[in-house]
């Protein structure tokens, strides 16, 4: 699971039925400082996210297929499971 930012949509002329009624979005993975890492996934959208949204992505195939209801079959690896409103990172470094 990771936090990412939706950077675009994916359009296909031929669809596999697993993706019926779901958008495919291009998601850039973010680091702890909120910057894009250059790594991305094409994720199935189940929360109506849009371009620019910061999202929570489940990127484990079996769990993703269960959310869509296509387990054990289906060609799904990543699914957007939430839109992130706020991120708070607490530093674990101790000052000496």
N, C-alpha and C. Protein backbone atom coordinates (compact mmCIF):
# COMPACT_ATOMS: atom_id res chain seq x y z
N UNK A 1 0.84 -1.16 0.00
CA UNK A 1 0.00 0.00 0.00
C UNK A 1 0.90 1.23 0.00
N UNK A 2 0.50 2.24 -0.73
CA UNK A 2 1.30 3.47 -0.77
C UNK A 2 0.41 4.67 -1.05
N UNK A 3 0.98 5.86 -0.87
CA UNK A 3 0.29 7.10 -1.18
C UNK A 3 0.83 7.61 -2.51
N UNK A 4 -0.07 8.05 -3.37
CA UNK A 4 0.34 8.55 -4.68
C UNK A 4 -0.54 9.71 -5.11
N UNK A 5 -0.20 10.27 -6.26
CA UNK A 5 -0.99 11.36 -6.82
C UNK A 5 -1.41 10.98 -8.23
N UNK A 6 -2.69 11.16 -8.50
CA UNK A 6 -3.23 10.83 -9.82
C UNK A 6 -2.71 11.85 -10.82
N UNK A 7 -2.02 11.36 -11.86
CA UNK A 7 -1.45 12.27 -12.84
C UNK A 7 -2.13 12.18 -14.20
N UNK A 8 -3.01 11.20 -14.39
CA UNK A 8 -3.69 11.11 -15.67
C UNK A 8 -4.65 9.93 -15.72
N UNK A 9 -5.32 9.82 -16.84
CA UNK A 9 -6.25 8.71 -17.06
C UNK A 9 -5.69 7.80 -18.14
N UNK A 10 -6.16 6.57 -18.16
CA UNK A 10 -5.76 5.61 -19.17
C UNK A 10 -7.01 5.25 -19.97
N UNK A 11 -6.91 5.35 -21.28
CA UNK A 11 -8.04 5.06 -22.16
C UNK A 11 -7.66 3.90 -23.06
N UNK A 12 -8.56 2.93 -23.16
CA UNK A 12 -8.32 1.78 -24.03
C UNK A 12 -9.53 1.57 -24.93
N UNK A 13 -9.28 1.18 -26.16
CA UNK A 13 -10.38 0.94 -27.09
C UNK A 13 -10.96 -0.45 -26.91
N UNK A 14 -10.16 -1.36 -26.39
CA UNK A 14 -10.63 -2.72 -26.12
C UNK A 14 -10.51 -2.95 -24.62
N UNK A 15 -11.61 -3.35 -23.99
CA UNK A 15 -11.65 -3.53 -22.54
C UNK A 15 -11.77 -5.00 -22.18
N UNK A 16 -11.10 -5.37 -21.11
CA UNK A 16 -11.30 -6.66 -20.49
C UNK A 16 -12.47 -6.48 -19.52
N UNK A 17 -13.39 -7.41 -19.46
CA UNK A 17 -14.63 -7.20 -18.69
C UNK A 17 -14.39 -6.94 -17.21
N UNK A 18 -13.24 -7.30 -16.68
CA UNK A 18 -12.92 -7.01 -15.28
C UNK A 18 -12.99 -5.52 -14.98
N UNK A 19 -12.68 -4.69 -15.98
CA UNK A 19 -12.63 -3.24 -15.78
C UNK A 19 -13.95 -2.53 -16.06
N UNK A 20 -15.00 -3.26 -16.39
CA UNK A 20 -16.29 -2.63 -16.67
C UNK A 20 -16.71 -1.73 -15.51
N UNK A 21 -17.17 -0.53 -15.83
CA UNK A 21 -17.68 0.46 -14.88
C UNK A 21 -16.60 1.02 -13.96
N UNK A 22 -15.33 0.87 -14.29
CA UNK A 22 -14.25 1.41 -13.48
C UNK A 22 -13.28 2.19 -14.36
N UNK A 23 -12.84 3.36 -13.86
CA UNK A 23 -11.82 4.13 -14.57
C UNK A 23 -10.45 3.54 -14.26
N UNK A 24 -9.54 3.70 -15.20
CA UNK A 24 -8.13 3.38 -14.98
C UNK A 24 -7.38 4.69 -14.87
N UNK A 25 -6.61 4.86 -13.80
CA UNK A 25 -5.89 6.10 -13.56
C UNK A 25 -4.40 5.83 -13.42
N UNK A 26 -3.60 6.77 -13.89
CA UNK A 26 -2.14 6.71 -13.76
C UNK A 26 -1.78 7.40 -12.45
N UNK A 27 -1.11 6.66 -11.54
CA UNK A 27 -0.80 7.18 -10.21
C UNK A 27 0.72 7.20 -10.01
N UNK A 28 1.25 8.40 -9.70
CA UNK A 28 2.67 8.55 -9.35
C UNK A 28 2.83 8.28 -7.86
N UNK A 29 3.77 7.38 -7.52
CA UNK A 29 4.06 7.13 -6.10
C UNK A 29 4.75 8.35 -5.51
N UNK A 30 4.39 8.69 -4.25
CA UNK A 30 4.99 9.83 -3.56
C UNK A 30 5.93 9.36 -2.46
N UNK A 31 6.99 10.14 -2.21
CA UNK A 31 7.88 9.85 -1.09
C UNK A 31 7.33 10.50 0.18
N UNK A 32 8.05 10.38 1.30
CA UNK A 32 7.56 10.93 2.57
C UNK A 32 7.48 12.45 2.58
N UNK A 33 8.12 13.10 1.64
CA UNK A 33 8.05 14.56 1.54
C UNK A 33 6.98 15.01 0.55
N UNK A 34 6.23 14.06 -0.01
CA UNK A 34 5.16 14.39 -0.93
C UNK A 34 5.60 14.64 -2.36
N UNK A 35 6.83 14.25 -2.68
CA UNK A 35 7.35 14.44 -4.04
C UNK A 35 7.20 13.14 -4.84
N UNK A 36 6.93 13.28 -6.11
CA UNK A 36 6.81 12.12 -7.00
C UNK A 36 8.14 11.40 -7.08
N UNK A 37 8.10 10.07 -7.04
CA UNK A 37 9.33 9.26 -7.07
C UNK A 37 9.74 8.85 -8.47
N UNK A 38 8.86 9.01 -9.44
CA UNK A 38 9.16 8.55 -10.79
C UNK A 38 8.66 7.14 -11.04
N UNK A 39 8.11 6.51 -10.02
CA UNK A 39 7.51 5.18 -10.16
C UNK A 39 5.99 5.38 -10.21
N UNK A 40 5.34 4.59 -11.03
CA UNK A 40 3.90 4.76 -11.17
C UNK A 40 3.21 3.43 -11.37
N UNK A 41 1.91 3.44 -11.16
CA UNK A 41 1.05 2.29 -11.43
C UNK A 41 -0.16 2.76 -12.23
N UNK A 42 -0.74 1.84 -12.95
CA UNK A 42 -2.06 2.05 -13.52
C UNK A 42 -3.00 1.35 -12.55
N UNK A 43 -3.89 2.13 -11.93
CA UNK A 43 -4.75 1.60 -10.87
C UNK A 43 -6.22 1.72 -11.25
N UNK A 44 -7.00 0.76 -10.79
CA UNK A 44 -8.45 0.78 -10.97
C UNK A 44 -9.03 1.71 -9.90
N UNK A 45 -9.89 2.62 -10.31
CA UNK A 45 -10.48 3.59 -9.40
C UNK A 45 -11.83 3.11 -8.90
N UNK A 46 -11.97 2.95 -7.57
CA UNK A 46 -13.26 2.57 -6.99
C UNK A 46 -13.81 3.67 -6.09
N UNK A 47 -13.12 4.83 -6.01
CA UNK A 47 -13.54 5.91 -5.10
C UNK A 47 -13.81 7.22 -5.83
N UNK A 48 -13.86 7.19 -7.14
CA UNK A 48 -14.12 8.37 -7.97
C UNK A 48 -13.06 9.45 -7.77
N UNK A 49 -11.79 9.06 -7.79
CA UNK A 49 -10.68 10.01 -7.71
C UNK A 49 -10.54 10.72 -9.05
N UNK A 50 -9.80 11.82 -9.04
CA UNK A 50 -9.57 12.56 -10.26
C UNK A 50 -8.13 13.01 -10.37
N UNK A 51 -7.77 13.54 -11.52
CA UNK A 51 -6.41 14.02 -11.75
C UNK A 51 -6.07 15.08 -10.71
N UNK A 52 -4.90 14.94 -10.08
CA UNK A 52 -4.44 15.86 -9.05
C UNK A 52 -4.72 15.38 -7.64
N UNK A 53 -5.64 14.43 -7.46
CA UNK A 53 -5.96 13.93 -6.12
C UNK A 53 -4.80 13.12 -5.56
N UNK A 54 -4.59 13.25 -4.25
CA UNK A 54 -3.66 12.39 -3.53
C UNK A 54 -4.49 11.19 -3.05
N UNK A 55 -4.00 9.99 -3.33
CA UNK A 55 -4.81 8.79 -3.10
C UNK A 55 -4.01 7.71 -2.36
N UNK A 56 -4.76 6.78 -1.75
CA UNK A 56 -4.19 5.60 -1.12
C UNK A 56 -4.39 4.44 -2.09
N UNK A 57 -3.29 3.78 -2.44
CA UNK A 57 -3.33 2.72 -3.44
C UNK A 57 -2.96 1.39 -2.80
N UNK A 58 -3.80 0.40 -2.99
CA UNK A 58 -3.52 -0.97 -2.59
C UNK A 58 -2.91 -1.64 -3.80
N UNK A 59 -1.63 -2.02 -3.69
CA UNK A 59 -0.93 -2.55 -4.88
C UNK A 59 -0.54 -4.01 -4.72
N UNK A 60 -1.43 -4.79 -4.17
CA UNK A 60 -1.21 -6.23 -4.04
C UNK A 60 -2.35 -6.91 -4.78
N UNK A 61 -2.04 -7.64 -5.80
CA UNK A 61 -3.02 -8.17 -6.74
C UNK A 61 -4.20 -8.91 -6.14
N UNK A 62 -3.96 -9.86 -5.23
CA UNK A 62 -5.05 -10.66 -4.69
C UNK A 62 -6.04 -9.79 -3.92
N UNK A 63 -5.54 -8.91 -3.06
CA UNK A 63 -6.43 -8.01 -2.31
C UNK A 63 -7.17 -7.06 -3.24
N UNK A 64 -6.48 -6.57 -4.26
CA UNK A 64 -7.11 -5.67 -5.23
C UNK A 64 -8.26 -6.37 -5.94
N UNK A 65 -8.06 -7.61 -6.33
CA UNK A 65 -9.12 -8.36 -7.01
C UNK A 65 -10.30 -8.61 -6.07
N UNK A 66 -10.04 -8.81 -4.77
CA UNK A 66 -11.12 -9.01 -3.82
C UNK A 66 -11.98 -7.75 -3.70
N UNK A 67 -11.35 -6.58 -3.70
CA UNK A 67 -12.10 -5.32 -3.60
C UNK A 67 -13.02 -5.15 -4.81
N UNK A 68 -12.53 -5.50 -5.99
CA UNK A 68 -13.32 -5.39 -7.21
C UNK A 68 -14.36 -6.51 -7.31
N UNK A 69 -14.13 -7.59 -6.57
CA UNK A 69 -15.04 -8.73 -6.62
C UNK A 69 -14.73 -9.69 -7.74
N UNK A 70 -13.46 -9.72 -8.18
CA UNK A 70 -13.06 -10.59 -9.30
C UNK A 70 -12.03 -11.62 -8.87
N UNK A 71 -11.95 -11.92 -7.60
CA UNK A 71 -10.97 -12.86 -7.09
C UNK A 71 -11.52 -14.28 -7.29
N UNK A 72 -10.81 -15.26 -7.78
CA UNK A 72 -9.37 -15.27 -8.03
C UNK A 72 -8.99 -14.86 -9.45
N UNK A 73 -9.97 -14.61 -10.31
CA UNK A 73 -9.65 -14.25 -11.69
C UNK A 73 -9.60 -12.74 -11.85
N UNK A 74 -9.02 -12.30 -12.92
CA UNK A 74 -8.98 -10.87 -13.21
C UNK A 74 -7.55 -10.36 -13.28
N UNK A 75 -7.36 -9.38 -14.12
CA UNK A 75 -6.03 -8.84 -14.36
C UNK A 75 -5.85 -7.52 -13.62
N UNK A 76 -6.06 -7.53 -12.31
CA UNK A 76 -5.95 -6.32 -11.52
C UNK A 76 -4.81 -6.48 -10.53
N UNK A 77 -3.92 -5.47 -10.49
CA UNK A 77 -2.81 -5.48 -9.56
C UNK A 77 -2.91 -4.34 -8.55
N UNK A 78 -3.45 -3.19 -8.96
CA UNK A 78 -3.51 -2.03 -8.07
C UNK A 78 -4.89 -1.40 -8.14
N UNK A 79 -5.38 -0.95 -6.98
CA UNK A 79 -6.69 -0.32 -6.91
C UNK A 79 -6.61 0.88 -5.95
N UNK A 80 -7.25 1.98 -6.35
CA UNK A 80 -7.31 3.17 -5.50
C UNK A 80 -8.43 2.94 -4.50
N UNK A 81 -8.07 2.94 -3.19
CA UNK A 81 -9.05 2.62 -2.15
C UNK A 81 -9.45 3.84 -1.32
N UNK A 82 -8.82 5.00 -1.54
CA UNK A 82 -9.20 6.18 -0.78
C UNK A 82 -8.58 7.44 -1.33
N UNK A 83 -9.25 8.56 -1.10
CA UNK A 83 -8.70 9.88 -1.42
C UNK A 83 -8.20 10.46 -0.10
N UNK A 84 -6.94 10.91 -0.08
CA UNK A 84 -6.29 11.38 1.13
C UNK A 84 -6.59 12.87 1.32
N UNK A 85 -7.09 13.22 2.50
CA UNK A 85 -7.36 14.62 2.82
C UNK A 85 -6.15 15.31 3.43
N UNK A 86 -5.42 14.58 4.27
CA UNK A 86 -4.29 15.20 4.98
C UNK A 86 -3.28 14.12 5.33
N UNK A 87 -2.00 14.51 5.33
CA UNK A 87 -0.92 13.61 5.71
C UNK A 87 -0.10 14.28 6.80
N UNK A 88 0.17 13.55 7.87
CA UNK A 88 0.98 14.06 8.97
C UNK A 88 2.07 13.06 9.24
N UNK A 89 3.34 13.47 9.13
CA UNK A 89 4.47 12.58 9.38
C UNK A 89 5.16 13.03 10.64
N UNK A 90 5.31 12.13 11.60
CA UNK A 90 5.98 12.43 12.85
C UNK A 90 7.38 11.87 12.77
N UNK A 91 8.38 12.72 13.00
CA UNK A 91 9.76 12.30 12.95
C UNK A 91 10.08 11.44 14.15
N UNK A 92 10.79 10.33 13.91
CA UNK A 92 11.17 9.43 15.00
C UNK A 92 12.61 9.66 15.44
N UNK A 93 13.26 10.69 14.90
CA UNK A 93 14.65 10.99 15.27
C UNK A 93 14.69 11.64 16.64
N UNK A 94 15.63 11.21 17.47
CA UNK A 94 15.81 11.77 18.80
C UNK A 94 16.91 12.80 18.76
N UNK A 95 16.69 13.92 19.40
CA UNK A 95 17.74 14.94 19.46
C UNK A 95 18.62 14.67 20.66
N UNK A 96 19.93 14.88 20.49
CA UNK A 96 20.88 14.60 21.57
C UNK A 96 21.42 15.86 22.14
